[in-house]
């Protein structure tokens, strides 16, 4: 997984970088086909915004979260992203489920 974290009107400290990367490890635990993850953290007055774009084979998932606290925004973002990735994984698995070929011989 290729992780890129950037800040808009915000300096990315090592503590923030480590916090985001540890939280995003949850995503790769559920789904191995993640190619690239891009995180943008931004500050606008009293709103802290976290955005993530996850590029995986066949699909891109975008999630954003806004909160008064940056760490709470990251937590909410990871929860939303986790739900969307599990939903995508379930869809991929369901497509392969109904393709069994029965070889019964009828006389």
PDB file of N, CA and C in Angstrom:
ATOM      1  N   UNK A   1       0.845  -1.171   0.000  1.00  0.00           N
ATOM      2  CA  UNK A   1       0.000   0.000   0.000  1.00  0.00           C
ATOM      3  C   UNK A   1       0.894   1.239   0.000  1.00  0.00           C
ATOM      4  N   UNK A   2       0.622   2.119  -0.916  1.00  0.00           N
ATOM      5  CA  UNK A   2       1.349   3.363  -1.052  1.00  0.00           C
ATOM      6  C   UNK A   2       0.550   4.456  -0.338  1.00  0.00           C
ATOM      7  N   UNK A   3       1.086   5.042   0.725  1.00  0.00           N
ATOM      8  CA  UNK A   3       0.374   6.032   1.528  1.00  0.00           C
ATOM      9  C   UNK A   3       0.974   7.410   1.336  1.00  0.00           C
ATOM     10  N   UNK A   4       0.119   8.387   1.013  1.00  0.00           N
ATOM     11  CA  UNK A   4       0.543   9.768   0.846  1.00  0.00           C
ATOM     12  C   UNK A   4      -0.351  10.645   1.715  1.00  0.00           C
ATOM     13  N   UNK A   5       0.256  11.388   2.653  1.00  0.00           N
ATOM     14  CA  UNK A   5      -0.494  12.265   3.548  1.00  0.00           C
ATOM     15  C   UNK A   5      -0.036  13.692   3.302  1.00  0.00           C
ATOM     16  N   UNK A   6      -0.988  14.578   3.032  1.00  0.00           N
ATOM     17  CA  UNK A   6      -0.651  15.979   2.805  1.00  0.00           C
ATOM     18  C   UNK A   6      -1.589  16.862   3.619  1.00  0.00           C
ATOM     19  N   UNK A   7      -1.167  18.097   3.837  1.00  0.00           N
ATOM     20  CA  UNK A   7      -1.957  19.030   4.623  1.00  0.00           C
ATOM     21  C   UNK A   7      -2.243  20.298   3.857  1.00  0.00           C
ATOM     22  N   UNK A   8      -3.430  20.832   4.069  1.00  0.00           N
ATOM     23  CA  UNK A   8      -3.835  22.077   3.441  1.00  0.00           C
ATOM     24  C   UNK A   8      -4.064  23.076   4.570  1.00  0.00           C
ATOM     25  N   UNK A   9      -3.240  24.102   4.659  1.00  0.00           N
ATOM     26  CA  UNK A   9      -3.229  25.057   5.770  1.00  0.00           C
ATOM     27  C   UNK A   9      -2.900  24.346   7.087  1.00  0.00           C
ATOM     28  N   UNK A  10      -2.083  23.327   7.001  1.00  0.00           N
ATOM     29  CA  UNK A  10      -1.752  22.517   8.168  1.00  0.00           C
ATOM     30  C   UNK A  10      -0.411  21.844   7.941  1.00  0.00           C
ATOM     31  N   UNK A  11       0.429  21.853   8.953  1.00  0.00           N
ATOM     32  CA  UNK A  11       1.703  21.140   8.865  1.00  0.00           C
ATOM     33  C   UNK A  11       1.494  19.727   9.397  1.00  0.00           C
ATOM     34  N   UNK A  12       1.930  18.747   8.629  1.00  0.00           N
ATOM     35  CA  UNK A  12       1.784  17.348   9.032  1.00  0.00           C
ATOM     36  C   UNK A  12       2.950  17.007   9.962  1.00  0.00           C
ATOM     37  N   UNK A  13       2.639  16.869  11.230  1.00  0.00           N
ATOM     38  CA  UNK A  13       3.658  16.509  12.211  1.00  0.00           C
ATOM     39  C   UNK A  13       3.847  14.993  12.211  1.00  0.00           C
ATOM     40  N   UNK A  14       4.960  14.517  12.728  1.00  0.00           N
ATOM     41  CA  UNK A  14       5.152  13.061  12.807  1.00  0.00           C
ATOM     42  C   UNK A  14       4.064  12.361  13.623  1.00  0.00           C
ATOM     43  N   UNK A  15       3.539  13.037  14.655  1.00  0.00           N
ATOM     44  CA  UNK A  15       2.469  12.438  15.461  1.00  0.00           C
ATOM     45  C   UNK A  15       1.202  12.240  14.632  1.00  0.00           C
ATOM     46  N   UNK A  16       0.831  13.240  13.833  1.00  0.00           N
ATOM     47  CA  UNK A  16      -0.353  13.120  12.975  1.00  0.00           C
ATOM     48  C   UNK A  16      -0.122  12.052  11.916  1.00  0.00           C
ATOM     49  N   UNK A  17       1.056  12.048  11.322  1.00  0.00           N
ATOM     50  CA  UNK A  17       1.384  11.063  10.288  1.00  0.00           C
ATOM     51  C   UNK A  17       1.283   9.643  10.844  1.00  0.00           C
ATOM     52  N   UNK A  18       1.848   9.416  12.019  1.00  0.00           N
ATOM     53  CA  UNK A  18       1.798   8.091  12.632  1.00  0.00           C
ATOM     54  C   UNK A  18       0.365   7.697  12.982  1.00  0.00           C
ATOM     55  N   UNK A  19      -0.414   8.651  13.501  1.00  0.00           N
ATOM     56  CA  UNK A  19      -1.799   8.373  13.886  1.00  0.00           C
ATOM     57  C   UNK A  19      -2.620   7.940  12.670  1.00  0.00           C
ATOM     58  N   UNK A  20      -2.493   8.669  11.575  1.00  0.00           N
ATOM     59  CA  UNK A  20      -3.252   8.350  10.363  1.00  0.00           C
ATOM     60  C   UNK A  20      -2.801   7.009   9.782  1.00  0.00           C
ATOM     61  N   UNK A  21      -1.501   6.762   9.735  1.00  0.00           N
ATOM     62  CA  UNK A  21      -1.015   5.513   9.145  1.00  0.00           C
ATOM     63  C   UNK A  21      -1.425   4.299   9.981  1.00  0.00           C
ATOM     64  N   UNK A  22      -1.425   4.434  11.313  1.00  0.00           N
ATOM     65  CA  UNK A  22      -1.869   3.321  12.164  1.00  0.00           C
ATOM     66  C   UNK A  22      -3.356   3.062  11.964  1.00  0.00           C
ATOM     67  N   UNK A  23      -4.145   4.116  11.867  1.00  0.00           N
ATOM     68  CA  UNK A  23      -5.590   3.956  11.664  1.00  0.00           C
ATOM     69  C   UNK A  23      -5.903   3.325  10.310  1.00  0.00           C
ATOM     70  N   UNK A  24      -5.120   3.674   9.291  1.00  0.00           N
ATOM     71  CA  UNK A  24      -5.397   3.143   7.956  1.00  0.00           C
ATOM     72  C   UNK A  24      -4.914   1.706   7.777  1.00  0.00           C
ATOM     73  N   UNK A  25      -4.130   1.189   8.713  1.00  0.00           N
ATOM     74  CA  UNK A  25      -3.742  -0.220   8.635  1.00  0.00           C
ATOM     75  C   UNK A  25      -4.959  -1.126   8.747  1.00  0.00           C
ATOM     76  N   UNK A  26      -6.006  -0.639   9.407  1.00  0.00           N
ATOM     77  CA  UNK A  26      -7.251  -1.393   9.535  1.00  0.00           C
ATOM     78  C   UNK A  26      -7.842  -1.710   8.165  1.00  0.00           C
ATOM     79  N   UNK A  27      -7.683  -0.787   7.238  1.00  0.00           N
ATOM     80  CA  UNK A  27      -8.229  -0.962   5.894  1.00  0.00           C
ATOM     81  C   UNK A  27      -7.541  -2.126   5.178  1.00  0.00           C
ATOM     82  N   UNK A  28      -6.232  -2.176   5.260  1.00  0.00           N
ATOM     83  CA  UNK A  28      -5.508  -3.236   4.564  1.00  0.00           C
ATOM     84  C   UNK A  28      -5.696  -4.585   5.249  1.00  0.00           C
ATOM     85  N   UNK A  29      -6.094  -4.579   6.494  1.00  0.00           N
ATOM     86  CA  UNK A  29      -6.364  -5.834   7.184  1.00  0.00           C
ATOM     87  C   UNK A  29      -7.615  -6.499   6.599  1.00  0.00           C
ATOM     88  N   UNK A  30      -8.597  -5.674   6.165  1.00  0.00           N
ATOM     89  CA  UNK A  30      -9.840  -6.206   5.609  1.00  0.00           C
ATOM     90  C   UNK A  30      -9.740  -6.509   4.119  1.00  0.00           C
ATOM     91  N   UNK A  31      -8.935  -5.728   3.413  1.00  0.00           N
ATOM     92  CA  UNK A  31      -8.917  -5.841   1.953  1.00  0.00           C
ATOM     93  C   UNK A  31      -7.487  -5.669   1.470  1.00  0.00           C
ATOM     94  N   UNK A  32      -6.942  -6.674   0.820  1.00  0.00           N
ATOM     95  CA  UNK A  32      -5.536  -6.678   0.424  1.00  0.00           C
ATOM     96  C   UNK A  32      -5.256  -5.981  -0.902  1.00  0.00           C
ATOM     97  N   UNK A  33      -6.290  -5.723  -1.701  1.00  0.00           N
ATOM     98  CA  UNK A  33      -6.076  -5.205  -3.046  1.00  0.00           C
ATOM     99  C   UNK A  33      -5.948  -3.686  -3.112  1.00  0.00           C
ATOM    100  N   UNK A  34      -5.602  -3.033  -2.010  1.00  0.00           N
ATOM    101  CA  UNK A  34      -5.428  -1.577  -1.991  1.00  0.00           C
ATOM    102  C   UNK A  34      -4.082  -1.237  -2.622  1.00  0.00           C
ATOM    103  N   UNK A  35      -4.109  -0.377  -3.650  1.00  0.00           N
ATOM    104  CA  UNK A  35      -2.893  -0.003  -4.365  1.00  0.00           C
ATOM    105  C   UNK A  35      -2.308   1.285  -3.785  1.00  0.00           C
ATOM    106  N   UNK A  36      -3.159   2.295  -3.644  1.00  0.00           N
ATOM    107  CA  UNK A  36      -2.685   3.621  -3.285  1.00  0.00           C
ATOM    108  C   UNK A  36      -3.703   4.305  -2.380  1.00  0.00           C
ATOM    109  N   UNK A  37      -3.222   5.008  -1.353  1.00  0.00           N
ATOM    110  CA  UNK A  37      -4.084   5.760  -0.443  1.00  0.00           C
ATOM    111  C   UNK A  37      -3.553   7.181  -0.363  1.00  0.00           C
ATOM    112  N   UNK A  38      -4.433   8.150  -0.615  1.00  0.00           N
ATOM    113  CA  UNK A  38      -4.062   9.553  -0.552  1.00  0.00           C
ATOM    114  C   UNK A  38      -4.941  10.238   0.499  1.00  0.00           C
ATOM    115  N   UNK A  39      -4.311  10.844   1.498  1.00  0.00           N
ATOM    116  CA  UNK A  39      -5.023  11.509   2.592  1.00  0.00           C
ATOM    117  C   UNK A  39      -4.713  13.000   2.543  1.00  0.00           C
ATOM    118  N   UNK A  40      -5.760  13.825   2.647  1.00  0.00           N
ATOM    119  CA  UNK A  40      -5.596  15.274   2.705  1.00  0.00           C
ATOM    120  C   UNK A  40      -6.260  15.755   3.995  1.00  0.00           C
ATOM    121  N   UNK A  41      -5.474  16.395   4.844  1.00  0.00           N
ATOM    122  CA  UNK A  41      -5.978  16.973   6.088  1.00  0.00           C
ATOM    123  C   UNK A  41      -5.973  18.484   5.932  1.00  0.00           C
ATOM    124  N   UNK A  42      -7.086  19.128   6.281  1.00  0.00           N
ATOM    125  CA  UNK A  42      -7.155  20.574   6.111  1.00  0.00           C
ATOM    126  C   UNK A  42      -7.860  21.230   7.294  1.00  0.00           C
ATOM    127  N   UNK A  43      -7.559  22.515   7.478  1.00  0.00           N
ATOM    128  CA  UNK A  43      -8.134  23.306   8.554  1.00  0.00           C
ATOM    129  C   UNK A  43      -8.760  24.546   7.946  1.00  0.00           C
ATOM    130  N   UNK A  44     -10.015  24.832   8.323  1.00  0.00           N
ATOM    131  CA  UNK A  44     -10.691  26.057   7.904  1.00  0.00           C
ATOM    132  C   UNK A  44     -11.458  26.596   9.100  1.00  0.00           C
ATOM    133  N   UNK A  45     -10.914  27.610   9.728  1.00  0.00           N
ATOM    134  CA  UNK A  45     -11.462  28.214  10.936  1.00  0.00           C
ATOM    135  C   UNK A  45     -11.664  27.156  12.023  1.00  0.00           C
ATOM    136  N   UNK A  46     -12.907  26.814  12.356  1.00  0.00           N
ATOM    137  CA  UNK A  46     -13.155  25.851  13.429  1.00  0.00           C
ATOM    138  C   UNK A  46     -13.421  24.447  12.913  1.00  0.00           C
ATOM    139  N   UNK A  47     -13.330  24.238  11.614  1.00  0.00           N
ATOM    140  CA  UNK A  47     -13.605  22.927  11.026  1.00  0.00           C
ATOM    141  C   UNK A  47     -12.310  22.234  10.637  1.00  0.00           C
ATOM    142  N   UNK A  48     -12.157  21.021  11.080  1.00  0.00           N
ATOM    143  CA  UNK A  48     -11.025  20.175  10.689  1.00  0.00           C
ATOM    144  C   UNK A  48     -11.585  19.143   9.706  1.00  0.00           C
ATOM    145  N   UNK A  49     -10.964  19.030   8.561  1.00  0.00           N
ATOM    146  CA  UNK A  49     -11.484  18.162   7.515  1.00  0.00           C
ATOM    147  C   UNK A  49     -10.439  17.120   7.141  1.00  0.00           C
ATOM    148  N   UNK A  50     -10.899  15.879   7.027  1.00  0.00           N
ATOM    149  CA  UNK A  50     -10.025  14.791   6.592  1.00  0.00           C
ATOM    150  C   UNK A  50     -10.670  14.136   5.373  1.00  0.00           C
ATOM    151  N   UNK A  51      -9.885  13.973   4.321  1.00  0.00           N
ATOM    152  CA  UNK A  51     -10.350  13.341   3.088  1.00  0.00           C
ATOM    153  C   UNK A  51      -9.403  12.218   2.729  1.00  0.00           C
ATOM    154  N   UNK A  52      -9.944  11.151   2.181  1.00  0.00           N
ATOM    155  CA  UNK A  52      -9.095  10.054   1.731  1.00  0.00           C
ATOM    156  C   UNK A  52      -9.640   9.526   0.404  1.00  0.00           C
ATOM    157  N   UNK A  53      -8.718   9.200  -0.479  1.00  0.00           N
ATOM    158  CA  UNK A  53      -9.048   8.527  -1.730  1.00  0.00           C
ATOM    159  C   UNK A  53      -8.261   7.223  -1.754  1.00  0.00           C
ATOM    160  N   UNK A  54      -8.972   6.118  -1.856  1.00  0.00           N
ATOM    161  CA  UNK A  54      -8.348   4.796  -1.881  1.00  0.00           C
ATOM    162  C   UNK A  54      -8.477   4.254  -3.294  1.00  0.00           C
ATOM    163  N   UNK A  55      -7.341   3.978  -3.903  1.00  0.00           N
ATOM    164  CA  UNK A  55      -7.313   3.414  -5.257  1.00  0.00           C
ATOM    165  C   UNK A  55      -7.036   1.925  -5.137  1.00  0.00           C
ATOM    166  N   UNK A  56      -7.973   1.126  -5.629  1.00  0.00           N
ATOM    167  CA  UNK A  56      -7.774  -0.322  -5.649  1.00  0.00           C
ATOM    168  C   UNK A  56      -8.113  -0.834  -7.032  1.00  0.00           C
ATOM    169  N   UNK A  57      -7.807  -2.069  -7.272  1.00  0.00           N
ATOM    170  CA  UNK A  57      -8.019  -2.608  -8.614  1.00  0.00           C
ATOM    171  C   UNK A  57      -9.507  -2.572  -8.953  1.00  0.00           C
ATOM    172  N   UNK A  58      -9.848  -1.765  -9.952  1.00  0.00           N
ATOM    173  CA  UNK A  58     -11.213  -1.710 -10.428  1.00  0.00           C
ATOM    174  C   UNK A  58     -12.083  -0.647  -9.788  1.00  0.00           C
ATOM    175  N   UNK A  59     -11.625   0.050  -8.766  1.00  0.00           N
ATOM    176  CA  UNK A  59     -12.496   1.015  -8.092  1.00  0.00           C
ATOM    177  C   UNK A  59     -11.680   2.026  -7.293  1.00  0.00           C
ATOM    178  N   UNK A  60     -12.200   3.249  -7.225  1.00  0.00           N
ATOM    179  CA  UNK A  60     -11.658   4.280  -6.346  1.00  0.00           C
ATOM    180  C   UNK A  60     -12.747   4.635  -5.339  1.00  0.00           C
ATOM    181  N   UNK A  61     -12.367   4.743  -4.074  1.00  0.00           N
ATOM    182  CA  UNK A  61     -13.317   5.103  -3.024  1.00  0.00           C
ATOM    183  C   UNK A  61     -12.854   6.415  -2.409  1.00  0.00           C
ATOM    184  N   UNK A  62     -13.802   7.373  -2.316  1.00  0.00           N
ATOM    185  CA  UNK A  62     -13.520   8.675  -1.718  1.00  0.00           C
ATOM    186  C   UNK A  62     -14.396   8.848  -0.494  1.00  0.00           C
ATOM    187  N   UNK A  63     -13.778   9.278   0.624  1.00  0.00           N
ATOM    188  CA  UNK A  63     -14.503   9.517   1.869  1.00  0.00           C
ATOM    189  C   UNK A  63     -13.985  10.810   2.475  1.00  0.00           C
ATOM    190  N   UNK A  64     -14.890  11.593   3.073  1.00  0.00           N
ATOM    191  CA  UNK A  64     -14.472  12.786   3.789  1.00  0.00           C
ATOM    192  C   UNK A  64     -15.221  12.888   5.103  1.00  0.00           C
ATOM    193  N   UNK A  65     -14.589  13.555   6.059  1.00  0.00           N
ATOM    194  CA  UNK A  65     -15.183  13.729   7.376  1.00  0.00           C
ATOM    195  C   UNK A  65     -14.778  15.100   7.915  1.00  0.00           C
ATOM    196  N   UNK A  66     -15.733  15.779   8.544  1.00  0.00           N
ATOM    197  CA  UNK A  66     -15.489  17.104   9.115  1.00  0.00           C
ATOM    198  C   UNK A  66     -15.853  17.062  10.594  1.00  0.00           C
ATOM    199  N   UNK A  67     -14.964  17.603  11.422  1.00  0.00           N
ATOM    200  CA  UNK A  67     -15.196  17.635  12.862  1.00  0.00           C
ATOM    201  C   UNK A  67     -14.460  18.836  13.446  1.00  0.00           C
ATOM    202  N   UNK A  68     -14.718  19.140  14.711  1.00  0.00           N
ATOM    203  CA  UNK A  68     -14.009  20.234  15.371  1.00  0.00           C
ATOM    204  C   UNK A  68     -12.600  19.826  15.782  1.00  0.00           C
ATOM    205  N   UNK A  69     -12.385  18.520  15.955  1.00  0.00           N
ATOM    206  CA  UNK A  69     -11.084  17.982  16.344  1.00  0.00           C
ATOM    207  C   UNK A  69     -10.531  17.151  15.195  1.00  0.00           C
ATOM    208  N   UNK A  70      -9.274  17.351  14.849  1.00  0.00           N
ATOM    209  CA  UNK A  70      -8.684  16.638  13.714  1.00  0.00           C
ATOM    210  C   UNK A  70      -8.617  15.134  13.964  1.00  0.00           C
ATOM    211  N   UNK A  71      -8.277  14.742  15.177  1.00  0.00           N
ATOM    212  CA  UNK A  71      -8.190  13.315  15.493  1.00  0.00           C
ATOM    213  C   UNK A  71      -9.567  12.652  15.435  1.00  0.00           C
ATOM    214  N   UNK A  72     -10.616  13.358  15.865  1.00  0.00           N
ATOM    215  CA  UNK A  72     -11.980  12.831  15.765  1.00  0.00           C
ATOM    216  C   UNK A  72     -12.403  12.721  14.302  1.00  0.00           C
ATOM    217  N   UNK A  73     -11.982  13.678  13.487  1.00  0.00           N
ATOM    218  CA  UNK A  73     -12.296  13.624  12.050  1.00  0.00           C
ATOM    219  C   UNK A  73     -11.623  12.419  11.400  1.00  0.00           C
ATOM    220  N   UNK A  74     -10.378  12.132  11.793  1.00  0.00           N
ATOM    221  CA  UNK A  74      -9.660  10.975  11.255  1.00  0.00           C
ATOM    222  C   UNK A  74     -10.343   9.670  11.705  1.00  0.00           C
ATOM    223  N   UNK A  75     -10.755   9.614  12.968  1.00  0.00           N
ATOM    224  CA  UNK A  75     -11.453   8.420  13.459  1.00  0.00           C
ATOM    225  C   UNK A  75     -12.744   8.176  12.684  1.00  0.00           C
ATOM    226  N   UNK A  76     -13.531   9.228  12.497  1.00  0.00           N
ATOM    227  CA  UNK A  76     -14.775   9.117  11.754  1.00  0.00           C
ATOM    228  C   UNK A  76     -14.516   8.716  10.303  1.00  0.00           C
ATOM    229  N   UNK A  77     -13.480   9.292   9.727  1.00  0.00           N
ATOM    230  CA  UNK A  77     -13.097   8.977   8.351  1.00  0.00           C
ATOM    231  C   UNK A  77     -12.758   7.500   8.192  1.00  0.00           C
ATOM    232  N   UNK A  78     -11.983   6.964   9.113  1.00  0.00           N
ATOM    233  CA  UNK A  78     -11.571   5.562   9.028  1.00  0.00           C
ATOM    234  C   UNK A  78     -12.771   4.639   9.210  1.00  0.00           C
ATOM    235  N   UNK A  79     -13.701   5.007  10.095  1.00  0.00           N
ATOM    236  CA  UNK A  79     -14.911   4.196  10.266  1.00  0.00           C
ATOM    237  C   UNK A  79     -15.737   4.158   8.979  1.00  0.00           C
ATOM    238  N   UNK A  80     -15.924   5.317   8.349  1.00  0.00           N
ATOM    239  CA  UNK A  80     -16.670   5.382   7.088  1.00  0.00           C
ATOM    240  C   UNK A  80     -15.967   4.576   5.996  1.00  0.00           C
ATOM    241  N   UNK A  81     -14.664   4.745   5.905  1.00  0.00           N
ATOM    242  CA  UNK A  81     -13.881   4.047   4.888  1.00  0.00           C
ATOM    243  C   UNK A  81     -13.936   2.539   5.097  1.00  0.00           C
ATOM    244  N   UNK A  82     -13.861   2.121   6.340  1.00  0.00           N
ATOM    245  CA  UNK A  82     -13.920   0.698   6.669  1.00  0.00           C
ATOM    246  C   UNK A  82     -15.252   0.096   6.208  1.00  0.00           C
ATOM    247  N   UNK A  83     -16.346   0.799   6.462  1.00  0.00           N
ATOM    248  CA  UNK A  83     -17.666   0.306   6.039  1.00  0.00           C
ATOM    249  C   UNK A  83     -17.749   0.209   4.516  1.00  0.00           C
ATOM    250  N   UNK A  84     -17.236   1.219   3.806  1.00  0.00           N
ATOM    251  CA  UNK A  84     -17.313   1.203   2.347  1.00  0.00           C
ATOM    252  C   UNK A  84     -16.448   0.101   1.749  1.00  0.00           C
ATOM    253  N   UNK A  85     -15.288  -0.138   2.333  1.00  0.00           N
ATOM    254  CA  UNK A  85     -14.408  -1.189   1.803  1.00  0.00           C
ATOM    255  C   UNK A  85     -15.004  -2.565   2.063  1.00  0.00           C
ATOM    256  N   UNK A  86     -15.605  -2.763   3.226  1.00  0.00           N
ATOM    257  CA  UNK A  86     -16.252  -4.044   3.503  1.00  0.00           C
ATOM    258  C   UNK A  86     -17.429  -4.258   2.557  1.00  0.00           C
ATOM    259  N   UNK A  87     -18.172  -3.192   2.254  1.00  0.00           N
ATOM    260  CA  UNK A  87     -19.290  -3.274   1.316  1.00  0.00           C
ATOM    261  C   UNK A  87     -18.785  -3.641  -0.081  1.00  0.00           C
ATOM    262  N   UNK A  88     -17.698  -3.012  -0.512  1.00  0.00           N
ATOM    263  CA  UNK A  88     -17.114  -3.324  -1.825  1.00  0.00           C
ATOM    264  C   UNK A  88     -16.606  -4.762  -1.861  1.00  0.00           C
ATOM    265  N   UNK A  89     -15.957  -5.191  -0.790  1.00  0.00           N
ATOM    266  CA  UNK A  89     -15.439  -6.552  -0.720  1.00  0.00           C
ATOM    267  C   UNK A  89     -16.579  -7.564  -0.800  1.00  0.00           C
ATOM    268  N   UNK A  90     -17.695  -7.268  -0.132  1.00  0.00           N
ATOM    269  CA  UNK A  90     -18.858  -8.159  -0.160  1.00  0.00           C
ATOM    270  C   UNK A  90     -19.435  -8.237  -1.569  1.00  0.00           C
ATOM    271  N   UNK A  91     -19.492  -7.115  -2.280  1.00  0.00           N
ATOM    272  CA  UNK A  91     -19.998  -7.118  -3.650  1.00  0.00           C
ATOM    273  C   UNK A  91     -19.123  -7.971  -4.552  1.00  0.00           C
ATOM    274  N   UNK A  92     -17.810  -7.839  -4.398  1.00  0.00           N
ATOM    275  CA  UNK A  92     -16.881  -8.621  -5.219  1.00  0.00           C
ATOM    276  C   UNK A  92     -17.047 -10.108  -4.933  1.00  0.00           C
ATOM    277  N   UNK A  93     -17.207 -10.469  -3.683  1.00  0.00           N
ATOM    278  CA  UNK A  93     -17.371 -11.875  -3.322  1.00  0.00           C
ATOM    279  C   UNK A  93     -18.707 -12.418  -3.817  1.00  0.00           C
ATOM    280  N   UNK A  94     -19.775 -11.605  -3.762  1.00  0.00           N
ATOM    281  CA  UNK A  94     -21.088 -12.062  -4.205  1.00  0.00           C
ATOM    282  C   UNK A  94     -21.116 -12.343  -5.700  1.00  0.00           C
ATOM    283  N   UNK A  95     -20.333 -11.618  -6.483  1.00  0.00           N
ATOM    284  CA  UNK A  95     -20.301 -11.842  -7.929  1.00  0.00           C
ATOM    285  C   UNK A  95     -19.722 -13.214  -8.258  1.00  0.00           C
ATOM    286  N   UNK A  96     -18.832 -13.705  -7.432  1.00  0.00           N
ATOM    287  CA  UNK A  96     -18.200 -14.983  -7.712  1.00  0.00           C
ATOM    288  C   UNK A  96     -18.956 -16.144  -7.094  1.00  0.00           C
ATOM    289  N   UNK A  97     -19.934 -15.869  -6.270  1.00  0.00           N
ATOM    290  CA  UNK A  97     -20.630 -16.913  -5.540  1.00  0.00           C
ATOM    291  C   UNK A  97     -21.586 -17.721  -6.418  1.00  0.00           C
ATOM    292  N   UNK A  98     -22.299 -17.079  -7.343  1.00  0.00           N
ATOM    293  CA  UNK A  98     -23.330 -17.755  -8.108  1.00  0.00           C
ATOM    294  C   UNK A  98     -22.848 -18.441  -9.371  1.00  0.00           C
ATOM    295  N   UNK A  99     -21.569 -18.665  -9.542  1.00  0.00           N
ATOM    296  CA  UNK A  99     -21.059 -19.206 -10.797  1.00  0.00           C
ATOM    297  C   UNK A  99     -20.698 -20.688 -10.716  1.00  0.00           C
ATOM    298  N   UNK A 100     -21.350 -21.424  -9.828  1.00  0.00           N
ATOM    299  CA  UNK A 100     -21.065 -22.855  -9.747  1.00  0.00           C
ATOM    300  C   UNK A 100     -21.789 -23.580 -10.884  1.00  0.00           C
ATOM    301  N   UNK A 101     -21.111 -24.511 -11.484  1.00  0.00           N
ATOM    302  CA  UNK A 101     -21.680 -25.279 -12.578  1.00  0.00           C
ATOM    303  C   UNK A 101     -21.974 -26.669 -12.054  1.00  0.00           C
ATOM    304  N   UNK A 102     -23.213 -27.060 -12.180  1.00  0.00           N
ATOM    305  CA  UNK A 102     -23.557 -28.400 -11.691  1.00  0.00           C
ATOM    306  C   UNK A 102     -23.431 -29.385 -12.843  1.00  0.00           C
ATOM    307  N   UNK A 103     -22.875 -30.506 -12.535  1.00  0.00           N
ATOM    308  CA  UNK A 103     -22.645 -31.556 -13.528  1.00  0.00           C
ATOM    309  C   UNK A 103     -23.552 -32.747 -13.247  1.00  0.00           C
ATOM    310  N   UNK A 104     -24.824 -32.514 -13.062  1.00  0.00           N
ATOM    311  CA  UNK A 104     -25.742 -33.619 -12.814  1.00  0.00           C
ATOM    312  C   UNK A 104     -26.182 -34.217 -14.151  1.00  0.00           C
ATOM    313  N   UNK A 105     -26.273 -35.494 -14.177  1.00  0.00           N
ATOM    314  CA  UNK A 105     -26.691 -36.202 -15.384  1.00  0.00           C
ATOM    315  C   UNK A 105     -28.131 -36.631 -15.213  1.00  0.00           C
ATOM    316  N   UNK A 106     -28.969 -36.200 -16.148  1.00  0.00           N
ATOM    317  CA  UNK A 106     -30.374 -36.578 -16.108  1.00  0.00           C
ATOM    318  C   UNK A 106     -30.648 -37.606 -17.177  1.00  0.00           C
ATOM    319  N   UNK A 107     -31.393 -38.613 -16.794  1.00  0.00           N
ATOM    320  CA  UNK A 107     -31.681 -39.673 -17.769  1.00  0.00           C
ATOM    321  C   UNK A 107     -33.089 -39.620 -18.255  1.00  0.00           C
TER     322      UNK A 107
END
